[in-house]
Amino acid sequence: MKRVDLIVSERELDAVLKAIDAAGAPGYTVMKHVTGKGPHGAVSEAMDFSGLGANAHVLVFCEPAVVDKLQAGVAPLLRYYGGVGYVSEAQQL
């Protein structure tokens, strides 16, 4: 089982979720209004009011075969709009 973590702008969330569905992932979890600091600086919680700079964390658990399809659909969106994605191993409890 694989775990895919995506941090994307909330403005691009719909496009990312469509790519996840198209890849055949069985589901996902979305946590909106996440803040933090990355290579481009900190995301301020004050940005939540305007929606500018607000990010979402998308979490996907899927089989390895789905990850290749997911990467093909999501990677171009991350390159164009920004955001990050990581794949790691996951073991069900």
PDB file of N, CA and C in Angstrom:
ATOM      1  N   MET A   1       0.855  -1.179   0.000  1.00  0.00           N
ATOM      2  CA  MET A   1       0.000   0.000   0.000  1.00  0.00           C
ATOM      3  C   MET A   1       0.896   1.236   0.000  1.00  0.00           C
ATOM      4  N   LYS A   2       0.486   2.253  -0.730  1.00  0.00           N
ATOM      5  CA  LYS A   2       1.232   3.509  -0.798  1.00  0.00           C
ATOM      6  C   LYS A   2       0.408   4.636  -0.181  1.00  0.00           C
ATOM      7  N   ARG A   3       1.137   5.618   0.342  1.00  0.00           N
ATOM      8  CA  ARG A   3       0.519   6.831   0.876  1.00  0.00           C
ATOM      9  C   ARG A   3       1.011   7.988   0.014  1.00  0.00           C
ATOM     10  N   VAL A   4       0.089   8.785  -0.489  1.00  0.00           N
ATOM     11  CA  VAL A   4       0.428   9.945  -1.295  1.00  0.00           C
ATOM     12  C   VAL A   4      -0.041  11.184  -0.539  1.00  0.00           C
ATOM     13  N   ASP A   5       0.880  12.099  -0.259  1.00  0.00           N
ATOM     14  CA  ASP A   5       0.569  13.366   0.399  1.00  0.00           C
ATOM     15  C   ASP A   5       0.762  14.482  -0.615  1.00  0.00           C
ATOM     16  N   LEU A   6      -0.259  15.291  -0.801  1.00  0.00           N
ATOM     17  CA  LEU A   6      -0.196  16.432  -1.711  1.00  0.00           C
ATOM     18  C   LEU A   6      -0.537  17.695  -0.944  1.00  0.00           C
ATOM     19  N   ILE A   7       0.257  18.730  -1.118  1.00  0.00           N
ATOM     20  CA  ILE A   7      -0.055  20.050  -0.578  1.00  0.00           C
ATOM     21  C   ILE A   7      -0.243  20.951  -1.794  1.00  0.00           C
ATOM     22  N   VAL A   8      -1.458  21.437  -1.981  1.00  0.00           N
ATOM     23  CA  VAL A   8      -1.793  22.226  -3.171  1.00  0.00           C
ATOM     24  C   VAL A   8      -2.596  23.452  -2.761  1.00  0.00           C
ATOM     25  N   SER A   9      -2.606  24.434  -3.638  1.00  0.00           N
ATOM     26  CA  SER A   9      -3.446  25.604  -3.424  1.00  0.00           C
ATOM     27  C   SER A   9      -4.905  25.172  -3.482  1.00  0.00           C
ATOM     28  N   GLU A  10      -5.731  25.733  -2.614  1.00  0.00           N
ATOM     29  CA  GLU A  10      -7.158  25.398  -2.640  1.00  0.00           C
ATOM     30  C   GLU A  10      -7.807  25.789  -3.957  1.00  0.00           C
ATOM     31  N   ARG A  11      -7.245  26.769  -4.643  1.00  0.00           N
ATOM     32  CA  ARG A  11      -7.808  27.182  -5.942  1.00  0.00           C
ATOM     33  C   ARG A  11      -7.699  26.070  -6.973  1.00  0.00           C
ATOM     34  N   GLU A  12      -6.685  25.223  -6.869  1.00  0.00           N
ATOM     35  CA  GLU A  12      -6.476  24.144  -7.824  1.00  0.00           C
ATOM     36  C   GLU A  12      -6.980  22.800  -7.314  1.00  0.00           C
ATOM     37  N   LEU A  13      -7.644  22.793  -6.179  1.00  0.00           N
ATOM     38  CA  LEU A  13      -8.063  21.546  -5.544  1.00  0.00           C
ATOM     39  C   LEU A  13      -8.983  20.719  -6.441  1.00  0.00           C
ATOM     40  N   ASP A  14      -9.938  21.333  -7.101  1.00  0.00           N
ATOM     41  CA  ASP A  14     -10.863  20.569  -7.950  1.00  0.00           C
ATOM     42  C   ASP A  14     -10.129  19.824  -9.061  1.00  0.00           C
ATOM     43  N   ALA A  15      -9.172  20.484  -9.705  1.00  0.00           N
ATOM     44  CA  ALA A  15      -8.402  19.842 -10.776  1.00  0.00           C
ATOM     45  C   ALA A  15      -7.600  18.667 -10.233  1.00  0.00           C
ATOM     46  N   VAL A  16      -7.026  18.821  -9.053  1.00  0.00           N
ATOM     47  CA  VAL A  16      -6.239  17.751  -8.444  1.00  0.00           C
ATOM     48  C   VAL A  16      -7.136  16.569  -8.089  1.00  0.00           C
ATOM     49  N   LEU A  17      -8.301  16.838  -7.528  1.00  0.00           N
ATOM     50  CA  LEU A  17      -9.217  15.751  -7.157  1.00  0.00           C
ATOM     51  C   LEU A  17      -9.727  15.013  -8.391  1.00  0.00           C
ATOM     52  N   LYS A  18      -9.962  15.721  -9.480  1.00  0.00           N
ATOM     53  CA  LYS A  18     -10.369  15.058 -10.732  1.00  0.00           C
ATOM     54  C   LYS A  18      -9.259  14.140 -11.237  1.00  0.00           C
ATOM     55  N   ALA A  19      -8.010  14.575 -11.132  1.00  0.00           N
ATOM     56  CA  ALA A  19      -6.882  13.747 -11.558  1.00  0.00           C
ATOM     57  C   ALA A  19      -6.753  12.503 -10.677  1.00  0.00           C
ATOM     58  N   ILE A  20      -7.015  12.646  -9.390  1.00  0.00           N
ATOM     59  CA  ILE A  20      -6.969  11.498  -8.472  1.00  0.00           C
ATOM     60  C   ILE A  20      -8.055  10.499  -8.835  1.00  0.00           C
ATOM     61  N   ASP A  21      -9.261  10.980  -9.083  1.00  0.00           N
ATOM     62  CA  ASP A  21     -10.357  10.094  -9.489  1.00  0.00           C
ATOM     63  C   ASP A  21     -10.044   9.398 -10.810  1.00  0.00           C
ATOM     64  N   ALA A  22      -9.505  10.155 -11.770  1.00  0.00           N
ATOM     65  CA  ALA A  22      -9.184   9.597 -13.082  1.00  0.00           C
ATOM     66  C   ALA A  22      -8.111   8.511 -12.990  1.00  0.00           C
ATOM     67  N   ALA A  23      -7.235   8.616 -11.997  1.00  0.00           N
ATOM     68  CA  ALA A  23      -6.175   7.613 -11.809  1.00  0.00           C
ATOM     69  C   ALA A  23      -6.716   6.313 -11.227  1.00  0.00           C
ATOM     70  N   GLY A  24      -7.935   6.343 -10.705  1.00  0.00           N
ATOM     71  CA  GLY A  24      -8.526   5.136 -10.136  1.00  0.00           C
ATOM     72  C   GLY A  24      -8.274   4.945  -8.661  1.00  0.00           C
ATOM     73  N   ALA A  25      -7.893   6.021  -7.965  1.00  0.00           N
ATOM     74  CA  ALA A  25      -7.704   5.907  -6.519  1.00  0.00           C
ATOM     75  C   ALA A  25      -9.033   5.585  -5.854  1.00  0.00           C
ATOM     76  N   PRO A  26      -9.007   4.743  -4.812  1.00  0.00           N
ATOM     77  CA  PRO A  26     -10.258   4.349  -4.171  1.00  0.00           C
ATOM     78  C   PRO A  26     -10.897   5.455  -3.344  1.00  0.00           C
ATOM     79  N   GLY A  27     -10.148   6.506  -3.038  1.00  0.00           N
ATOM     80  CA  GLY A  27     -10.681   7.606  -2.241  1.00  0.00           C
ATOM     81  C   GLY A  27      -9.566   8.534  -1.824  1.00  0.00           C
ATOM     82  N   TYR A  28      -9.921   9.558  -1.072  1.00  0.00           N
ATOM     83  CA  TYR A  28      -8.937  10.522  -0.603  1.00  0.00           C
ATOM     84  C   TYR A  28      -9.515  11.276   0.584  1.00  0.00           C
ATOM     85  N   THR A  29      -8.643  11.948   1.316  1.00  0.00           N
ATOM     86  CA  THR A  29      -9.030  12.812   2.419  1.00  0.00           C
ATOM     87  C   THR A  29      -8.490  14.197   2.121  1.00  0.00           C
ATOM     88  N   VAL A  30      -9.307  15.233   2.343  1.00  0.00           N
ATOM     89  CA  VAL A  30      -8.887  16.612   2.099  1.00  0.00           C
ATOM     90  C   VAL A  30      -8.982  17.384   3.406  1.00  0.00           C
ATOM     91  N   MET A  31      -7.893  18.037   3.748  1.00  0.00           N
ATOM     92  CA  MET A  31      -7.858  18.928   4.909  1.00  0.00           C
ATOM     93  C   MET A  31      -7.575  20.331   4.374  1.00  0.00           C
ATOM     94  N   LYS A  32      -8.539  21.203   4.489  1.00  0.00           N
ATOM     95  CA  LYS A  32      -8.404  22.554   3.937  1.00  0.00           C
ATOM     96  C   LYS A  32      -7.813  23.516   4.961  1.00  0.00           C
ATOM     97  N   HIS A  33      -7.334  24.631   4.429  1.00  0.00           N
ATOM     98  CA  HIS A  33      -6.794  25.729   5.223  1.00  0.00           C
ATOM     99  C   HIS A  33      -5.567  25.318   6.034  1.00  0.00           C
ATOM    100  N   VAL A  34      -4.684  24.520   5.412  1.00  0.00           N
ATOM    101  CA  VAL A  34      -3.452  24.150   6.108  1.00  0.00           C
ATOM    102  C   VAL A  34      -2.427  25.264   5.920  1.00  0.00           C
ATOM    103  N   THR A  35      -1.636  25.477   6.928  1.00  0.00           N
ATOM    104  CA  THR A  35      -0.604  26.509   6.872  1.00  0.00           C
ATOM    105  C   THR A  35       0.738  25.881   7.169  1.00  0.00           C
ATOM    106  N   GLY A  36       1.780  26.606   6.843  1.00  0.00           N
ATOM    107  CA  GLY A  36       3.123  26.115   7.106  1.00  0.00           C
ATOM    108  C   GLY A  36       4.146  26.997   6.441  1.00  0.00           C
ATOM    109  N   LYS A  37       5.344  26.473   6.336  1.00  0.00           N
ATOM    110  CA  LYS A  37       6.428  27.216   5.718  1.00  0.00           C
ATOM    111  C   LYS A  37       7.157  26.298   4.758  1.00  0.00           C
ATOM    112  N   GLY A  38       7.425  26.807   3.577  1.00  0.00           N
ATOM    113  CA  GLY A  38       8.146  26.051   2.569  1.00  0.00           C
ATOM    114  C   GLY A  38       9.201  26.915   1.919  1.00  0.00           C
ATOM    115  N   PRO A  39       9.707  26.474   0.775  1.00  0.00           N
ATOM    116  CA  PRO A  39      10.777  27.213   0.109  1.00  0.00           C
ATOM    117  C   PRO A  39      10.379  28.631  -0.310  1.00  0.00           C
ATOM    118  N   HIS A  40       9.093  28.881  -0.458  1.00  0.00           N
ATOM    119  CA  HIS A  40       8.621  30.203  -0.882  1.00  0.00           C
ATOM    120  C   HIS A  40       8.162  31.056   0.292  1.00  0.00           C
ATOM    121  N   GLY A  41       8.439  30.607   1.507  1.00  0.00           N
ATOM    122  CA  GLY A  41       8.079  31.377   2.687  1.00  0.00           C
ATOM    123  C   GLY A  41       6.908  30.762   3.426  1.00  0.00           C
ATOM    124  N   ALA A  42       6.425  31.498   4.411  1.00  0.00           N
ATOM    125  CA  ALA A  42       5.342  31.014   5.267  1.00  0.00           C
ATOM    126  C   ALA A  42       3.993  31.380   4.678  1.00  0.00           C
ATOM    127  N   VAL A  43       3.018  30.518   4.938  1.00  0.00           N
ATOM    128  CA  VAL A  43       1.629  30.810   4.599  1.00  0.00           C
ATOM    129  C   VAL A  43       0.979  31.321   5.866  1.00  0.00           C
ATOM    130  N   SER A  44       0.490  32.529   5.831  1.00  0.00           N
ATOM    131  CA  SER A  44      -0.098  33.152   7.011  1.00  0.00           C
ATOM    132  C   SER A  44      -1.549  32.734   7.169  1.00  0.00           C
ATOM    133  N   GLU A  45      -1.962  32.526   8.413  1.00  0.00           N
ATOM    134  CA  GLU A  45      -3.366  32.223   8.675  1.00  0.00           C
ATOM    135  C   GLU A  45      -4.245  33.411   8.335  1.00  0.00           C
ATOM    136  N   ALA A  46      -3.671  34.606   8.275  1.00  0.00           N
ATOM    137  CA  ALA A  46      -4.434  35.794   7.908  1.00  0.00           C
ATOM    138  C   ALA A  46      -4.922  35.706   6.468  1.00  0.00           C
ATOM    139  N   MET A  47      -4.310  34.860   5.657  1.00  0.00           N
ATOM    140  CA  MET A  47      -4.707  34.714   4.265  1.00  0.00           C
ATOM    141  C   MET A  47      -6.004  33.930   4.120  1.00  0.00           C
ATOM    142  N   ASP A  48      -6.431  33.237   5.167  1.00  0.00           N
ATOM    143  CA  ASP A  48      -7.659  32.451   5.099  1.00  0.00           C
ATOM    144  C   ASP A  48      -8.868  33.303   4.757  1.00  0.00           C
ATOM    145  N   PHE A  49      -8.898  34.540   5.226  1.00  0.00           N
ATOM    146  CA  PHE A  49     -10.059  35.401   4.995  1.00  0.00           C
ATOM    147  C   PHE A  49     -10.261  35.659   3.513  1.00  0.00           C
ATOM    148  N   SER A  50      -9.191  35.963   2.809  1.00  0.00           N
ATOM    149  CA  SER A  50      -9.292  36.266   1.386  1.00  0.00           C
ATOM    150  C   SER A  50      -9.245  35.013   0.528  1.00  0.00           C
ATOM    151  N   GLY A  51      -8.708  33.933   1.067  1.00  0.00           N
ATOM    152  CA  GLY A  51      -8.537  32.719   0.287  1.00  0.00           C
ATOM    153  C   GLY A  51      -7.241  32.712  -0.494  1.00  0.00           C
ATOM    154  N   LEU A  52      -6.555  33.851  -0.567  1.00  0.00           N
ATOM    155  CA  LEU A  52      -5.285  33.913  -1.277  1.00  0.00           C
ATOM    156  C   LEU A  52      -4.223  33.206  -0.457  1.00  0.00           C
ATOM    157  N   GLY A  53      -3.569  32.242  -1.055  1.00  0.00           N
ATOM    158  CA  GLY A  53      -2.505  31.542  -0.359  1.00  0.00           C
ATOM    159  C   GLY A  53      -2.969  30.374   0.479  1.00  0.00           C
ATOM    160  N   ALA A  54      -4.282  30.133   0.577  1.00  0.00           N
ATOM    161  CA  ALA A  54      -4.777  29.016   1.373  1.00  0.00           C
ATOM    162  C   ALA A  54      -4.422  27.701   0.674  1.00  0.00           C
ATOM    163  N   ASN A  55      -3.941  26.754   1.434  1.00  0.00           N
ATOM    164  CA  ASN A  55      -3.541  25.448   0.906  1.00  0.00           C
ATOM    165  C   ASN A  55      -4.437  24.348   1.434  1.00  0.00           C
ATOM    166  N   ALA A  56      -4.378  23.218   0.745  1.00  0.00           N
ATOM    167  CA  ALA A  56      -5.089  22.022   1.176  1.00  0.00           C
ATOM    168  C   ALA A  56      -4.100  20.864   1.201  1.00  0.00           C
ATOM    169  N   HIS A  57      -4.304  19.942   2.130  1.00  0.00           N
ATOM    170  CA  HIS A  57      -3.518  18.710   2.218  1.00  0.00           C
ATOM    171  C   HIS A  57      -4.437  17.589   1.757  1.00  0.00           C
ATOM    172  N   VAL A  58      -4.025  16.906   0.705  1.00  0.00           N
ATOM    173  CA  VAL A  58      -4.797  15.782   0.175  1.00  0.00           C
ATOM    174  C   VAL A  58      -4.019  14.513   0.476  1.00  0.00           C
ATOM    175  N   LEU A  59      -4.690  13.562   1.078  1.00  0.00           N
ATOM    176  CA  LEU A  59      -4.077  12.295   1.484  1.00  0.00           C
ATOM    177  C   LEU A  59      -4.769  11.161   0.738  1.00  0.00           C
ATOM    178  N   VAL A  60      -3.962  10.321   0.079  1.00  0.00           N
ATOM    179  CA  VAL A  60      -4.491   9.202  -0.705  1.00  0.00           C
ATOM    180  C   VAL A  60      -3.764   7.934  -0.287  1.00  0.00           C
ATOM    181  N   PHE A  61      -4.502   6.871  -0.049  1.00  0.00           N
ATOM    182  CA  PHE A  61      -3.927   5.543   0.156  1.00  0.00           C
ATOM    183  C   PHE A  61      -4.371   4.686  -1.017  1.00  0.00           C
ATOM    184  N   CYS A  62      -3.409   4.059  -1.688  1.00  0.00           N
ATOM    185  CA  CYS A  62      -3.754   3.281  -2.872  1.00  0.00           C
ATOM    186  C   CYS A  62      -2.698   2.216  -3.152  1.00  0.00           C
ATOM    187  N   GLU A  63      -2.994   1.373  -4.107  1.00  0.00           N
ATOM    188  CA  GLU A  63      -2.057   0.345  -4.538  1.00  0.00           C
ATOM    189  C   GLU A  63      -0.979   0.977  -5.425  1.00  0.00           C
ATOM    190  N   PRO A  64       0.205   0.355  -5.496  1.00  0.00           N
ATOM    191  CA  PRO A  64       1.302   0.920  -6.291  1.00  0.00           C
ATOM    192  C   PRO A  64       0.939   1.206  -7.749  1.00  0.00           C
ATOM    193  N   ALA A  65       0.129   0.365  -8.366  1.00  0.00           N
ATOM    194  CA  ALA A  65      -0.234   0.577  -9.774  1.00  0.00           C
ATOM    195  C   ALA A  65      -0.986   1.894  -9.973  1.00  0.00           C
ATOM    196  N   VAL A  66      -1.741   2.308  -8.979  1.00  0.00           N
ATOM    197  CA  VAL A  66      -2.499   3.553  -9.073  1.00  0.00           C
ATOM    198  C   VAL A  66      -1.570   4.757  -8.962  1.00  0.00           C
ATOM    199  N   VAL A  67      -0.470   4.621  -8.221  1.00  0.00           N
ATOM    200  CA  VAL A  67       0.448   5.738  -8.017  1.00  0.00           C
ATOM    201  C   VAL A  67       1.018   6.228  -9.339  1.00  0.00           C
ATOM    202  N   ASP A  68       1.367   5.308 -10.246  1.00  0.00           N
ATOM    203  CA  ASP A  68       1.911   5.711 -11.540  1.00  0.00           C
ATOM    204  C   ASP A  68       0.911   6.556 -12.319  1.00  0.00           C
ATOM    205  N   LYS A  69      -0.349   6.137 -12.333  1.00  0.00           N
ATOM    206  CA  LYS A  69      -1.394   6.894 -13.018  1.00  0.00           C
ATOM    207  C   LYS A  69      -1.643   8.228 -12.324  1.00  0.00           C
ATOM    208  N   LEU A  70      -1.634   8.196 -11.004  1.00  0.00           N
ATOM    209  CA  LEU A  70      -1.849   9.414 -10.228  1.00  0.00           C
ATOM    210  C   LEU A  70      -0.729  10.418 -10.492  1.00  0.00           C
ATOM    211  N   GLN A  71       0.495   9.931 -10.522  1.00  0.00           N
ATOM    212  CA  GLN A  71       1.630  10.816 -10.782  1.00  0.00           C
ATOM    213  C   GLN A  71       1.522  11.439 -12.170  1.00  0.00           C
ATOM    214  N   ALA A  72       1.118  10.668 -13.150  1.00  0.00           N
ATOM    215  CA  ALA A  72       0.988  11.180 -14.515  1.00  0.00           C
ATOM    216  C   ALA A  72      -0.051  12.294 -14.599  1.00  0.00           C
ATOM    217  N   GLY A  73      -1.108  12.194 -13.800  1.00  0.00           N
ATOM    218  CA  GLY A  73      -2.159  13.207 -13.824  1.00  0.00           C
ATOM    219  C   GLY A  73      -1.895  14.406 -12.940  1.00  0.00           C
ATOM    220  N   VAL A  74      -1.261  14.181 -11.800  1.00  0.00           N
ATOM    221  CA  VAL A  74      -1.080  15.249 -10.815  1.00  0.00           C
ATOM    222  C   VAL A  74       0.221  16.032 -11.024  1.00  0.00           C
ATOM    223  N   ALA A  75       1.293  15.368 -11.430  1.00  0.00           N
ATOM    224  CA  ALA A  75       2.598  16.039 -11.562  1.00  0.00           C
ATOM    225  C   ALA A  75       2.546  17.270 -12.472  1.00  0.00           C
ATOM    226  N   PRO A  76       1.870  17.215 -13.630  1.00  0.00           N
ATOM    227  CA  PRO A  76       1.802  18.423 -14.457  1.00  0.00           C
ATOM    228  C   PRO A  76       1.086  19.582 -13.753  1.00  0.00           C
ATOM    229  N   LEU A  77       0.080  19.274 -12.940  1.00  0.00           N
ATOM    230  CA  LEU A  77      -0.634  20.315 -12.191  1.00  0.00           C
ATOM    231  C   LEU A  77       0.282  20.940 -11.146  1.00  0.00           C
ATOM    232  N   LEU A  78       1.074  20.110 -10.467  1.00  0.00           N
ATOM    233  CA  LEU A  78       2.002  20.627  -9.458  1.00  0.00           C
ATOM    234  C   LEU A  78       3.070  21.514 -10.102  1.00  0.00           C
ATOM    235  N   ARG A  79       3.557  21.088 -11.265  1.00  0.00           N
ATOM    236  CA  ARG A  79       4.569  21.899 -11.951  1.00  0.00           C
ATOM    237  C   ARG A  79       3.998  23.241 -12.408  1.00  0.00           C
ATOM    238  N   TYR A  80       2.779  23.240 -12.905  1.00  0.00           N
ATOM    239  CA  TYR A  80       2.187  24.463 -13.447  1.00  0.00           C
ATOM    240  C   TYR A  80       1.695  25.411 -12.344  1.00  0.00           C
ATOM    241  N   TYR A  81       0.940  24.868 -11.388  1.00  0.00           N
ATOM    242  CA  TYR A  81       0.321  25.698 -10.359  1.00  0.00           C
ATOM    243  C   TYR A  81       1.155  25.812  -9.082  1.00  0.00           C
ATOM    244  N   GLY A  82       2.068  24.886  -8.886  1.00  0.00           N
ATOM    245  CA  GLY A  82       2.815  24.841  -7.644  1.00  0.00           C
ATOM    246  C   GLY A  82       2.215  23.820  -6.699  1.00  0.00           C
ATOM    247  N   GLY A  83       2.927  23.529  -5.656  1.00  0.00           N
ATOM    248  CA  GLY A  83       2.505  22.514  -4.704  1.00  0.00           C
ATOM    249  C   GLY A  83       3.551  21.423  -4.638  1.00  0.00           C
ATOM    250  N   VAL A  84       3.358  20.495  -3.730  1.00  0.00           N
ATOM    251  CA  VAL A  84       4.298  19.395  -3.568  1.00  0.00           C
ATOM    252  C   VAL A  84       3.529  18.097  -3.405  1.00  0.00           C
ATOM    253  N   GLY A  85       4.207  17.011  -3.744  1.00  0.00           N
ATOM    254  CA  GLY A  85       3.621  15.691  -3.577  1.00  0.00           C
ATOM    255  C   GLY A  85       4.706  14.689  -3.207  1.00  0.00           C
ATOM    256  N   TYR A  86       4.366  13.794  -2.299  1.00  0.00           N
ATOM    257  CA  TYR A  86       5.304  12.773  -1.858  1.00  0.00           C
ATOM    258  C   TYR A  86       4.589  11.423  -1.767  1.00  0.00           C
ATOM    259  N   VAL A  87       5.336  10.369  -2.064  1.00  0.00           N
ATOM    260  CA  VAL A  87       4.824   9.002  -1.979  1.00  0.00           C
ATOM    261  C   VAL A  87       5.658   8.263  -0.945  1.00  0.00           C
ATOM    262  N   SER A  88       4.973   7.543  -0.067  1.00  0.00           N
ATOM    263  CA  SER A  88       5.668   6.742   0.939  1.00  0.00           C
ATOM    264  C   SER A  88       4.947   5.419   1.124  1.00  0.00           C
ATOM    265  N   GLU A  89       5.593   4.520   1.811  1.00  0.00           N
ATOM    266  CA  GLU A  89       4.988   3.217   2.121  1.00  0.00           C
ATOM    267  C   GLU A  89       3.971   3.387   3.257  1.00  0.00           C
ATOM    268  N   ALA A  90       2.924   2.594   3.204  1.00  0.00           N
ATOM    269  CA  ALA A  90       1.915   2.606   4.258  1.00  0.00           C
ATOM    270  C   ALA A  90       1.544   1.165   4.600  1.00  0.00           C
ATOM    271  N   GLN A  91       1.363   0.933   5.871  1.00  0.00           N
ATOM    272  CA  GLN A  91       0.950  -0.386   6.342  1.00  0.00           C
ATOM    273  C   GLN A  91      -0.327  -0.222   7.141  1.00  0.00           C
ATOM    274  N   GLN A  92      -1.354  -0.967   6.762  1.00  0.00           N
ATOM    275  CA  GLN A  92      -2.627  -0.882   7.466  1.00  0.00           C
ATOM    276  C   GLN A  92      -2.509  -1.485   8.851  1.00  0.00           C
ATOM    277  N   LEU A  93      -3.132  -0.856   9.826  1.00  0.00           N
ATOM    278  CA  LEU A  93      -3.111  -1.359  11.201  1.00  0.00           C
ATOM    279  C   LEU A  93      -4.009  -2.573  11.348  1.00  0.00           C
TER     280      LEU A  93
END
